[in-house]
Amino acid sequence: MKELVKVENLKKSFGKISALRGATLTLEERQQYVVRGASGSGKSTLLHLLAGLDRPSGGKIWVAGKDLAKYSDKELGRYRNQFIGLVFQFHFLLPSMDCLSNVLLPARIGNVSVDKVKQKVLDLAAQLGVVHCLGKFPYELSGGEQQRINIIRAISLEPKLILCDEPTGSLDSDNTDKVVDLLKDLASHTESTLVVVTHDDKVARQFPNKFFIQDGVVVN
């Protein structure tokens, strides 16, 4: 397998609080991973750094052989748009746009064919049972519906690295299974690397590769 992400001695502090204390790990292309750990162990911080949403206090992150530390803010924005799919526990849908416009926003920002992406979005919405939500505004949806729309937005451009922070936290058991299956199937279809942070034992058991973070360090 070819290495996609290499993290070496990664550190991140917020004032006097150390969220990551020297995390080291490798993610291979086309593989699917789950990240476990207690609340406050550094799981979400790790995802934020991999996504280029924040910069580390120390250590290195290489993605596809490139050092993220050398990216300008503009280059990091392009990296997030073109390479990363982000799914967080909270949906962050823009309240002033209907859901279809929210989902198509990454395509518009990245100058990708909206018509091509729209058909893909309709197919994904049908799989997740939210076609009826596309013409509505986020406030008109339930929490579970908002999260499914959020997931469709994140994977609409077929990113090579899909990062998910508790993506099923607001879903019932049936929709949790649908979302996990969709994420895994899409990652396989697009040959993407999938990383899921979860507290759900049932979700974690569906992934062959597992990392455990304890006190800001990756342990076996």
Protein backbone atom coordinates (compact mmCIF):
# COMPACT_ATOMS: atom_id res chain seq x y z
CA MET A 1 0.00 0.00 0.00
CA LYS A 2 1.14 3.55 -0.73
CA GLU A 3 1.39 6.06 2.08
CA LEU A 4 -1.05 8.99 1.83
CA VAL A 5 -0.60 10.73 5.20
CA LYS A 6 2.38 10.72 7.53
CA VAL A 7 2.17 12.38 10.93
CA GLU A 8 5.35 12.67 12.97
CA ASN A 9 5.63 13.86 16.59
CA LEU A 10 2.58 16.11 16.14
CA LYS A 11 1.90 18.59 18.94
CA LYS A 12 -0.85 21.13 19.51
CA SER A 13 -1.29 23.38 22.52
CA PHE A 14 -4.03 25.83 23.39
CA GLY A 15 -2.43 28.10 25.95
CA LYS A 16 -1.30 25.86 28.79
CA ILE A 17 -3.40 22.92 27.58
CA SER A 18 -1.66 20.31 25.40
CA ALA A 19 -4.20 18.59 23.15
CA LEU A 20 -1.57 16.58 21.24
CA ARG A 21 1.76 15.66 22.84
CA GLY A 22 3.67 13.98 20.01
CA ALA A 23 1.24 11.91 17.95
CA THR A 24 2.75 9.75 15.21
CA LEU A 25 0.83 7.68 12.66
CA THR A 26 0.63 6.70 9.00
CA LEU A 27 -2.47 6.46 6.81
CA GLU A 28 -2.30 4.47 3.59
CA GLU A 29 -4.15 5.14 0.36
CA ARG A 30 -7.56 3.50 -0.08
CA GLN A 31 -7.70 2.32 3.55
CA GLN A 32 -10.41 2.92 6.15
CA TYR A 33 -9.61 3.81 9.74
CA VAL A 34 -11.41 4.43 13.00
CA VAL A 35 -9.95 6.59 15.79
CA ARG A 36 -10.95 5.90 19.39
CA GLY A 37 -10.12 7.60 22.66
CA ALA A 38 -11.65 9.29 25.67
CA SER A 39 -13.12 12.79 25.48
CA GLY A 40 -10.30 15.32 25.50
CA SER A 41 -7.68 12.84 24.29
CA GLY A 42 -6.94 14.84 21.11
CA LYS A 43 -9.01 13.01 18.48
CA SER A 44 -10.80 16.07 17.10
CA THR A 45 -7.64 18.16 17.26
CA LEU A 46 -5.88 15.57 15.12
CA LEU A 47 -8.61 15.73 12.47
CA HIS A 48 -8.55 19.54 12.45
CA LEU A 49 -4.80 19.52 11.82
CA LEU A 50 -5.05 16.88 9.08
CA ALA A 51 -7.72 19.02 7.41
CA GLY A 52 -5.60 22.15 7.52
CA LEU A 53 -8.13 23.94 9.71
CA ASP A 54 -5.39 24.76 12.20
CA ARG A 55 -1.61 24.65 12.31
CA PRO A 56 0.35 22.46 14.74
CA SER A 57 2.52 23.75 17.56
CA GLY A 58 5.18 21.21 16.62
CA GLY A 59 5.81 18.14 14.51
CA LYS A 60 5.06 17.46 10.85
CA ILE A 61 2.18 16.45 8.59
CA TRP A 62 2.84 15.20 5.07
CA VAL A 63 -0.10 14.56 2.75
CA ALA A 64 0.57 12.97 -0.65
CA GLY A 65 4.24 13.73 -0.03
CA LYS A 66 3.73 17.45 0.62
CA ASP A 67 4.48 19.24 3.89
CA LEU A 68 1.33 21.07 5.03
CA ALA A 69 3.48 23.53 7.00
CA LYS A 70 4.72 24.99 3.71
CA TYR A 71 1.21 25.79 2.48
CA SER A 72 0.01 29.39 2.59
CA ASP A 73 -3.47 30.08 3.95
CA LYS A 74 -4.75 30.30 0.37
CA GLU A 75 -3.14 26.97 -0.52
CA LEU A 76 -4.66 25.37 2.58
CA GLY A 77 -8.07 26.62 1.46
CA ARG A 78 -7.58 24.97 -1.93
CA TYR A 79 -6.37 21.80 -0.20
CA ARG A 80 -9.54 21.63 1.92
CA ASN A 81 -11.77 22.22 -1.09
CA GLN A 82 -10.12 19.82 -3.53
CA PHE A 83 -8.59 17.09 -1.38
CA ILE A 84 -10.49 16.89 1.91
CA GLY A 85 -14.04 15.90 2.80
CA LEU A 86 -15.04 17.06 6.28
CA VAL A 87 -17.91 15.63 8.29
CA PHE A 88 -18.33 16.97 11.82
CA GLN A 89 -20.81 16.13 14.54
CA PHE A 90 -22.42 19.54 14.02
CA HIS A 91 -23.56 20.25 10.50
CA PHE A 92 -22.45 23.90 9.93
CA LEU A 93 -25.00 24.34 7.15
CA LEU A 94 -25.51 27.97 6.13
CA PRO A 95 -28.97 29.04 7.36
CA SER A 96 -29.50 31.56 4.54
CA MET A 97 -29.28 28.89 1.81
CA ASP A 98 -31.54 25.97 1.02
CA CYS A 99 -29.95 22.55 1.43
CA LEU A 100 -29.23 21.98 -2.26
CA SER A 101 -27.36 25.29 -2.43
CA ASN A 102 -25.43 24.30 0.70
CA VAL A 103 -24.44 20.98 -0.83
CA LEU A 104 -23.35 22.54 -4.14
CA LEU A 105 -21.29 25.29 -2.49
CA PRO A 106 -17.96 23.35 -2.56
CA ALA A 107 -18.39 22.80 -6.32
CA ARG A 108 -19.03 26.51 -6.90
CA ILE A 109 -16.04 27.50 -4.77
CA GLY A 110 -13.81 25.01 -6.58
CA ASN A 111 -15.07 25.93 -10.07
CA VAL A 112 -16.31 22.37 -10.62
CA SER A 113 -19.21 21.62 -12.98
CA VAL A 114 -22.31 22.15 -10.85
CA ASP A 115 -24.52 20.14 -13.21
CA LYS A 116 -22.25 17.11 -12.92
CA VAL A 117 -22.09 17.32 -9.14
CA LYS A 118 -25.84 17.93 -8.84
CA GLN A 119 -26.70 14.54 -10.35
CA LYS A 120 -24.33 12.86 -7.93
CA VAL A 121 -25.94 14.78 -5.07
CA LEU A 122 -29.41 13.61 -6.10
CA ASP A 123 -28.22 10.00 -6.17
CA LEU A 124 -26.66 10.31 -2.70
CA ALA A 125 -29.75 12.03 -1.33
CA ALA A 126 -31.89 9.16 -2.61
CA GLN A 127 -29.63 6.64 -0.87
CA LEU A 128 -29.93 8.53 2.41
CA GLY A 129 -33.64 9.29 2.09
CA VAL A 130 -33.32 13.09 2.07
CA VAL A 131 -34.33 14.08 -1.48
CA HIS A 132 -37.32 15.90 0.04
CA CYS A 133 -34.93 18.01 2.13
CA LEU A 134 -32.94 19.55 -0.73
CA GLY A 135 -35.41 22.37 -1.34
CA LYS A 136 -35.75 23.19 2.35
CA PHE A 137 -33.69 25.40 4.63
CA PRO A 138 -31.59 23.81 7.39
CA TYR A 139 -33.89 25.06 10.18
CA GLU A 140 -36.75 23.10 8.63
CA LEU A 141 -34.91 19.79 9.04
CA SER A 142 -34.44 17.46 11.97
CA GLY A 143 -30.94 17.00 13.41
CA GLY A 144 -30.55 13.68 11.64
CA GLU A 145 -31.63 15.14 8.30
CA GLN A 146 -29.22 18.04 8.70
CA GLN A 147 -26.36 15.64 9.36
CA ARG A 148 -27.15 13.56 6.29
CA ILE A 149 -27.17 16.72 4.15
CA ASN A 150 -23.86 17.68 5.76
CA ILE A 151 -22.36 14.33 4.78
CA ILE A 152 -23.53 14.66 1.19
CA ARG A 153 -21.93 18.10 0.98
CA ALA A 154 -18.64 16.76 2.34
CA ILE A 155 -18.35 13.90 -0.13
CA SER A 156 -19.89 15.58 -3.19
CA LEU A 157 -16.49 16.23 -4.83
CA GLU A 158 -15.13 12.74 -4.14
CA PRO A 159 -12.26 13.87 -1.89
CA LYS A 160 -9.19 11.64 -1.51
CA LEU A 161 -9.16 12.04 2.28
CA ILE A 162 -12.49 11.89 4.13
CA LEU A 163 -12.30 12.99 7.77
CA CYS A 164 -15.32 12.36 9.98
CA ASP A 165 -15.69 13.51 13.58
CA GLU A 166 -18.59 11.62 15.22
CA PRO A 167 -20.56 11.61 11.93
CA THR A 168 -23.37 9.47 13.37
CA GLY A 169 -23.68 11.21 16.73
CA SER A 170 -27.12 12.68 15.95
CA LEU A 171 -28.52 9.69 14.03
CA ASP A 172 -30.75 6.82 15.08
CA SER A 173 -29.57 3.23 14.69
CA ASP A 174 -31.08 2.69 11.22
CA ASN A 175 -29.64 5.90 9.76
CA THR A 176 -26.31 5.27 11.49
CA ASP A 177 -25.99 2.02 9.54
CA LYS A 178 -26.95 3.76 6.28
CA VAL A 179 -24.45 6.57 6.77
CA VAL A 180 -21.57 4.27 7.73
CA ASP A 181 -22.32 2.00 4.76
CA LEU A 182 -22.46 5.03 2.44
CA LEU A 183 -19.17 6.45 3.72
CA LYS A 184 -17.41 3.11 3.38
CA ASP A 185 -18.89 2.37 -0.05
CA LEU A 186 -18.07 5.82 -1.41
CA ALA A 187 -14.53 5.68 -0.06
CA SER A 188 -14.06 2.30 -1.75
CA HIS A 189 -15.59 3.51 -5.03
CA THR A 190 -13.45 6.65 -5.22
CA GLU A 191 -10.37 4.92 -3.74
CA SER A 192 -10.35 7.48 -0.94
CA THR A 193 -8.86 7.14 2.52
CA LEU A 194 -11.53 7.31 5.23
CA VAL A 195 -10.89 8.31 8.86
CA VAL A 196 -13.76 8.19 11.36
CA VAL A 197 -13.64 9.36 14.97
CA THR A 198 -16.40 7.70 17.00
CA HIS A 199 -17.49 6.71 20.49
CA ASP A 200 -19.91 4.15 19.04
CA ASP A 201 -18.63 0.58 19.52
CA LYS A 202 -20.94 -0.71 16.80
CA VAL A 203 -19.52 1.78 14.28
CA ALA A 204 -15.93 1.08 15.33
CA ARG A 205 -16.32 -2.67 14.77
CA GLN A 206 -16.99 -2.05 11.08
CA PHE A 207 -13.48 -0.74 10.44
CA PRO A 208 -10.46 -3.02 10.00
CA ASN A 209 -7.85 -0.42 10.98
CA LYS A 210 -7.96 1.20 14.42
CA PHE A 211 -6.00 3.91 16.19
CA PHE A 212 -6.34 4.74 19.87
CA ILE A 213 -5.38 8.16 21.23
CA GLN A 214 -4.56 8.51 24.90
CA ASP A 215 -3.45 11.82 26.45
CA GLY A 216 -2.53 13.26 23.08
CA VAL A 217 -0.43 10.32 21.90
CA VAL A 218 -1.32 7.48 19.50
CA VAL A 219 -0.95 4.13 21.28
CA ASN A 220 -1.43 0.56 20.07
